[in-house]
Protein backbone atom coordinates (compact mmCIF):
# COMPACT_ATOMS: atom_id res chain seq x y z
CA MET A 1 -13.23 -28.80 19.29
CA ARG A 2 -15.12 -25.76 20.51
CA LEU A 3 -13.95 -23.84 23.58
CA ALA A 4 -16.34 -21.43 25.29
CA VAL A 5 -16.38 -19.54 28.57
CA ILE A 6 -19.37 -19.86 30.91
CA GLY A 7 -19.40 -18.11 34.26
CA GLY A 8 -15.73 -17.27 33.84
CA ARG A 9 -14.81 -20.96 33.44
CA ALA A 10 -13.50 -22.73 30.35
CA ALA A 11 -15.88 -25.27 28.84
CA LEU A 12 -15.88 -27.51 25.79
CA VAL A 13 -19.08 -27.29 23.77
CA ARG A 14 -20.72 -30.01 21.71
CA GLY A 15 -24.07 -29.05 20.24
CA ASP A 16 -26.18 -27.55 23.03
CA ARG A 17 -24.18 -29.21 25.84
CA ALA A 18 -20.94 -28.24 27.53
CA ALA A 19 -18.29 -29.87 29.69
CA ASP A 20 -16.56 -27.80 32.35
CA VAL A 21 -12.86 -28.42 31.63
CA SER A 22 -11.61 -28.31 35.21
CA TRP A 23 -14.42 -30.46 36.59
CA ALA A 24 -14.26 -32.99 33.75
CA SER A 25 -10.47 -33.28 34.09
CA GLN A 26 -10.77 -33.64 37.89
CA GLY A 27 -8.66 -30.55 38.38
CA ARG A 28 -5.81 -31.60 36.10
CA LEU A 29 -6.60 -28.70 33.79
CA PRO A 30 -7.36 -25.14 34.91
CA SER A 31 -10.73 -23.42 34.69
CA ASP A 32 -9.11 -20.15 33.62
CA PRO A 33 -9.29 -19.97 29.79
CA MET A 34 -6.09 -17.91 29.61
CA ALA A 35 -4.16 -20.50 31.62
CA LEU A 36 -5.67 -23.20 29.43
CA LEU A 37 -4.32 -21.58 26.27
CA GLU A 38 -0.82 -21.73 27.76
CA GLN A 39 -1.03 -25.55 27.54
CA TRP A 40 -3.16 -25.88 24.46
CA GLN A 41 -1.72 -29.11 23.06
CA ARG A 42 -2.29 -30.83 26.39
CA VAL A 43 -5.93 -29.66 26.28
CA ARG A 44 -6.32 -31.00 22.74
CA ASP A 45 -4.90 -34.39 23.70
CA TRP A 46 -7.15 -34.65 26.75
CA ALA A 47 -10.28 -33.53 24.91
CA ALA A 48 -9.84 -36.16 22.21
CA ASP A 49 -10.81 -38.87 24.70
CA LEU A 50 -13.55 -36.99 26.55
CA SER A 51 -16.73 -39.04 26.83
CA ALA A 52 -20.14 -37.76 25.81
CA GLU A 53 -21.30 -38.09 29.43
CA ALA A 54 -18.91 -35.29 30.43
CA TYR A 55 -21.03 -32.80 28.49
CA ASP A 56 -23.50 -32.37 31.33
CA ILE A 57 -24.17 -28.61 31.20
CA GLU A 58 -26.97 -27.16 29.11
CA VAL A 59 -25.64 -24.22 27.11
CA ASP A 60 -27.52 -20.94 27.30
CA PRO A 61 -26.24 -18.79 24.39
CA ALA A 62 -26.91 -15.65 26.43
CA ALA A 63 -24.52 -16.88 29.14
CA LEU A 64 -21.49 -17.29 26.87
CA GLN A 65 -18.62 -14.90 27.52
CA ALA A 66 -15.56 -13.91 25.49
CA PRO A 67 -13.68 -17.14 24.70
CA VAL A 68 -10.38 -15.28 25.25
CA PRO A 69 -11.28 -12.73 27.93
CA GLN A 70 -7.86 -11.21 28.67
CA PRO A 71 -5.53 -11.37 25.67
CA ARG A 72 -2.13 -9.80 26.13
CA GLN A 73 -1.96 -8.52 22.55
CA VAL A 74 -4.74 -7.70 20.09
CA PHE A 75 -3.67 -7.11 16.49
CA ALA A 76 -5.91 -5.92 13.69
CA VAL A 77 -5.50 -5.54 9.93
CA ALA A 78 -6.87 -2.78 7.72
CA LEU A 79 -7.99 -3.06 4.08
CA ASN A 80 -7.53 -6.83 3.86
CA TYR A 81 -10.41 -7.45 1.41
CA PRO A 82 -10.07 -5.87 -2.07
CA PRO A 83 -13.70 -4.63 -2.25
CA HIS A 84 -13.31 -2.91 1.13
CA ALA A 85 -10.05 -1.29 0.00
CA ALA A 86 -11.87 -0.11 -3.14
CA GLU A 87 -14.86 1.34 -1.26
CA ALA A 88 -12.41 3.20 1.00
CA GLY A 89 -10.68 4.67 -2.07
CA PHE A 90 -7.42 2.74 -1.79
CA THR A 91 -5.58 0.22 -3.95
CA PRO A 92 -5.01 -3.16 -2.25
CA PRO A 93 -1.93 -2.86 -0.01
CA ASP A 94 1.34 -4.67 -0.73
CA GLU A 95 1.99 -5.20 2.99
CA PRO A 96 -0.49 -5.87 5.82
CA LEU A 97 -1.63 -2.61 7.41
CA VAL A 98 -1.45 -3.49 11.10
CA PHE A 99 -2.79 -1.60 14.11
CA THR A 100 -3.84 -2.63 17.61
CA LYS A 101 -7.02 -2.71 19.62
CA PHE A 102 -6.37 -2.32 23.33
CA PRO A 103 -7.29 -5.50 25.26
CA THR A 104 -9.73 -3.74 27.60
CA CYS A 105 -12.18 -3.35 24.70
CA VAL A 106 -12.61 -7.14 24.38
CA THR A 107 -16.01 -8.41 25.43
CA GLY A 108 -18.35 -11.33 24.88
CA PRO A 109 -20.69 -12.37 22.09
CA ARG A 110 -23.97 -10.92 23.39
CA VAL A 111 -23.59 -7.53 24.99
CA THR A 112 -25.02 -4.04 25.02
CA VAL A 113 -22.48 -1.45 23.94
CA GLU A 114 -22.68 2.20 24.98
CA LEU A 115 -22.16 4.51 22.01
CA PRO A 116 -19.66 7.30 22.67
CA GLU A 117 -19.94 10.66 20.98
CA GLY A 118 -18.96 10.57 17.32
CA LYS A 119 -19.67 8.18 14.47
CA VAL A 120 -19.59 4.50 15.43
CA ASP A 121 -19.25 2.00 12.58
CA TRP A 122 -19.30 -1.78 12.23
CA GLU A 123 -16.67 -4.20 10.83
CA VAL A 124 -17.38 -7.95 10.99
CA GLU A 125 -14.13 -9.92 11.14
CA LEU A 126 -12.67 -13.39 11.44
CA VAL A 127 -10.43 -13.50 14.52
CA ALA A 128 -7.52 -15.93 14.81
CA VAL A 129 -6.45 -16.96 18.32
CA MET A 130 -2.88 -18.03 18.99
CA GLY A 131 -2.37 -21.38 20.72
CA ARG A 132 1.38 -21.20 21.26
CA SER A 133 4.21 -18.71 21.28
CA ALA A 134 5.47 -17.92 17.80
CA HIS A 135 8.39 -15.95 16.43
CA ARG A 136 9.57 -16.04 12.83
CA VAL A 137 7.05 -18.69 11.84
CA SER A 138 6.76 -19.52 8.14
CA ALA A 139 3.36 -19.30 6.48
CA ASP A 140 3.35 -23.04 5.72
CA ARG A 141 3.64 -23.80 9.46
CA ALA A 142 1.44 -20.99 10.72
CA TRP A 143 -1.78 -22.97 11.18
CA GLU A 144 0.10 -25.16 13.67
CA THR A 145 0.33 -22.16 16.00
CA VAL A 146 -3.40 -21.33 15.91
CA ALA A 147 -5.62 -22.47 18.77
CA GLY A 148 -8.78 -21.61 16.87
CA LEU A 149 -10.98 -19.10 15.12
CA THR A 150 -13.80 -16.96 16.44
CA VAL A 151 -16.12 -14.17 15.30
CA GLY A 152 -15.26 -10.56 16.07
CA GLN A 153 -16.49 -7.02 15.52
CA ASP A 154 -13.92 -4.27 15.07
CA LEU A 155 -16.27 -1.51 16.21
CA SER A 156 -14.83 1.85 15.23
CA GLU A 157 -15.55 5.43 16.21
CA ARG A 158 -14.55 7.13 12.99
CA VAL A 159 -13.97 10.70 14.26
CA SER A 160 -11.27 9.76 16.77
CA GLN A 161 -9.95 6.99 14.50
CA LEU A 162 -9.24 9.40 11.65
CA GLN A 163 -8.18 12.39 13.75
CA GLY A 164 -4.76 13.85 13.05
CA LYS A 165 -2.27 13.64 10.20
CA PRO A 166 -1.32 10.89 9.93
CA ALA A 167 -4.41 9.37 11.46
CA GLN A 168 -4.06 6.86 14.29
CA PHE A 169 -6.51 3.99 14.59
CA SER A 170 -6.13 2.36 17.98
CA LEU A 171 -7.97 4.72 20.34
CA GLY A 172 -11.00 5.03 18.08
CA LYS A 173 -11.28 1.25 17.97
CA SER A 174 -10.85 0.60 21.69
CA PHE A 175 -13.78 2.15 23.53
CA PRO A 176 -15.38 -0.18 26.11
CA GLY A 177 -17.16 -3.03 24.32
CA PHE A 178 -15.57 -2.29 20.94
CA GLY A 179 -14.05 -5.78 20.62
CA PRO A 180 -16.92 -8.28 20.97
CA THR A 181 -15.86 -11.86 20.25
CA GLY A 182 -17.35 -15.34 20.36
CA PRO A 183 -19.46 -17.31 20.67
CA ALA A 184 -16.68 -19.93 20.92
CA LEU A 185 -13.15 -20.65 19.80
CA VAL A 186 -13.28 -23.33 17.09
CA THR A 187 -10.17 -25.36 16.26
CA PRO A 188 -9.02 -25.31 12.59
CA ASP A 189 -9.61 -29.04 12.12
CA GLU A 190 -13.36 -28.47 12.52
CA PHE A 191 -13.52 -26.79 9.09
CA ASP A 192 -13.34 -28.32 5.62
CA ASP A 193 -11.13 -25.35 4.72
CA PRO A 194 -10.33 -22.80 7.45
CA ASP A 195 -9.16 -20.36 4.75
CA ASP A 196 -12.59 -20.24 3.07
CA LEU A 197 -15.50 -19.35 5.35
CA GLU A 198 -18.60 -17.28 4.63
CA ILE A 199 -18.62 -14.06 6.67
CA THR A 200 -21.76 -11.95 7.10
CA GLY A 201 -22.80 -8.82 8.96
CA LEU A 202 -26.43 -7.80 9.50
CA LEU A 203 -27.79 -4.52 10.85
CA ASN A 204 -31.37 -4.69 12.14
CA GLY A 205 -31.88 -7.83 10.05
CA GLU A 206 -30.52 -6.37 6.80
CA THR A 207 -27.34 -7.85 5.31
CA VAL A 208 -24.74 -5.08 5.08
CA GLN A 209 -21.55 -7.16 4.69
CA GLN A 210 -21.02 -10.54 3.02
CA ASP A 211 -17.97 -12.24 1.53
CA ARG A 212 -15.78 -15.30 1.97
CA THR A 213 -12.53 -15.25 3.91
CA LYS A 214 -10.70 -16.67 0.89
CA SER A 215 -11.03 -13.14 -0.52
CA MET A 216 -8.54 -11.81 2.03
CA ILE A 217 -5.40 -10.30 0.51
CA PHE A 218 -3.33 -11.70 3.38
CA PRO A 219 -4.88 -14.93 4.74
CA VAL A 220 -4.40 -16.10 8.31
CA PRO A 221 -1.12 -18.02 7.70
CA GLU A 222 0.50 -15.08 5.95
CA LEU A 223 -0.63 -12.64 8.62
CA ILE A 224 0.94 -14.82 11.31
CA ALA A 225 4.16 -15.12 9.30
CA ARG A 226 4.35 -11.36 8.73
CA LEU A 227 3.51 -10.45 12.33
CA SER A 228 5.82 -13.05 13.89
CA ALA A 229 8.68 -11.84 11.70
CA VAL A 230 8.64 -8.70 13.85
CA VAL A 231 7.03 -9.45 17.21
CA SER A 232 6.66 -12.49 19.44
CA LEU A 233 3.10 -13.79 19.37
CA LEU A 234 1.79 -15.28 22.62
CA PRO A 235 -0.85 -17.87 23.51
CA GLY A 236 -4.24 -16.16 23.57
CA ASP A 237 -3.23 -13.27 21.32
CA LEU A 238 -6.04 -12.17 19.00
CA ILE A 239 -5.63 -11.24 15.34
CA PHE A 240 -8.60 -9.40 13.82
CA THR A 241 -8.04 -10.23 10.16
CA GLY A 242 -9.91 -7.42 8.38
CA THR A 243 -13.43 -6.69 7.21
CA PRO A 244 -15.30 -7.08 3.90
CA ALA A 245 -16.96 -4.24 2.03
CA GLY A 246 -20.16 -2.72 3.39
CA VAL A 247 -19.11 -0.55 6.33
CA GLY A 248 -21.33 2.35 7.26
CA ASN A 249 -19.01 5.27 6.59
CA ARG A 250 -18.74 4.26 2.92
CA MET A 251 -22.49 4.16 2.35
CA ASN A 252 -24.24 6.98 0.48
CA PRO A 253 -25.33 8.64 2.67
CA PRO A 254 -23.14 7.29 5.51
CA ARG A 255 -24.92 5.19 8.14
CA TYR A 256 -23.64 4.92 11.69
CA LEU A 257 -24.83 2.93 14.67
CA THR A 258 -27.55 4.54 16.77
CA GLU A 259 -29.37 3.74 19.97
CA GLY A 260 -31.63 0.70 19.55
CA ASP A 261 -29.69 -0.86 16.67
CA GLU A 262 -28.96 -4.59 16.63
CA LEU A 263 -25.78 -5.84 14.95
CA VAL A 264 -25.35 -9.54 14.15
CA SER A 265 -22.05 -10.96 12.90
CA ARG A 266 -21.84 -14.54 11.56
CA ILE A 267 -19.09 -16.78 10.28
CA GLN A 268 -19.71 -20.20 8.78
CA GLY A 269 -18.87 -23.02 11.17
CA ILE A 270 -18.33 -20.74 14.16
CA GLY A 271 -21.65 -19.08 14.89
CA GLU A 272 -22.79 -15.55 15.57
CA ILE A 273 -22.32 -12.67 17.95
CA ARG A 274 -25.01 -10.10 18.63
CA GLN A 275 -24.74 -6.54 19.94
CA HIS A 276 -27.33 -3.98 20.95
CA PHE A 277 -26.47 -0.31 21.25
CA THR A 278 -27.46 2.37 23.69
CA ALA A 279 -26.47 5.99 24.13
CA VAL A 280 -24.13 6.91 26.97
CA HIS A 281 -26.24 8.11 29.89
CA PRO A 282 -24.39 10.28 32.42
């Protein structure tokens, strides 16, 4: 099952057609995607019997919005791919290195992002979306709590991210538009193996990042187990699971995003998101 948001309303997508959830359910299910995630199992049960005729909306990729537009919590993980840890000059961590992105940075799959002053970098990431509340969940049960997976970019302004001793990450990763996600939320059963997906980032058509999510040091189930051992996870929470090698600040010479750049992020079985960048104009 693929959940998207079109015109602020939740829709199920099949190929190039969509079904408005509230209309197709005759009002039994809400149009608000956040309210829908609060009753995710009910949505899954209803969608299993949805007829092909219900998919009566033609999907315009440019009209898709963030599949989870207002998450209450947004977690992110640093150095979760060994090659990325190596390029950053670190040994692979023994524990997940967790920080947060503030929810106001979350945006949709095709947007123009204003570049603040500083050095803005890219980080393509698999994003797990919670489908139920979870606290102290074991790794072997963790997939049961996941509503689906989507594509994300952990855009990062490196000057403010690394400012101070010790450095703090969250502000530098939370400028407006710094959390693009989409194009849809895809349920785990749609994949042959949700722990092994090809992940790719392209800058102006050139591949700059490429790996498989099976390379992650802490895969999705373990991240959920480790996070839920400490905090209560809520329906609609986002977990940015880390980025592969190939970020701009580790290039020689470093390469940062500039006005006119196009960034494309793809994950096998989910799709792609696409950002254009412009300078801030007062």
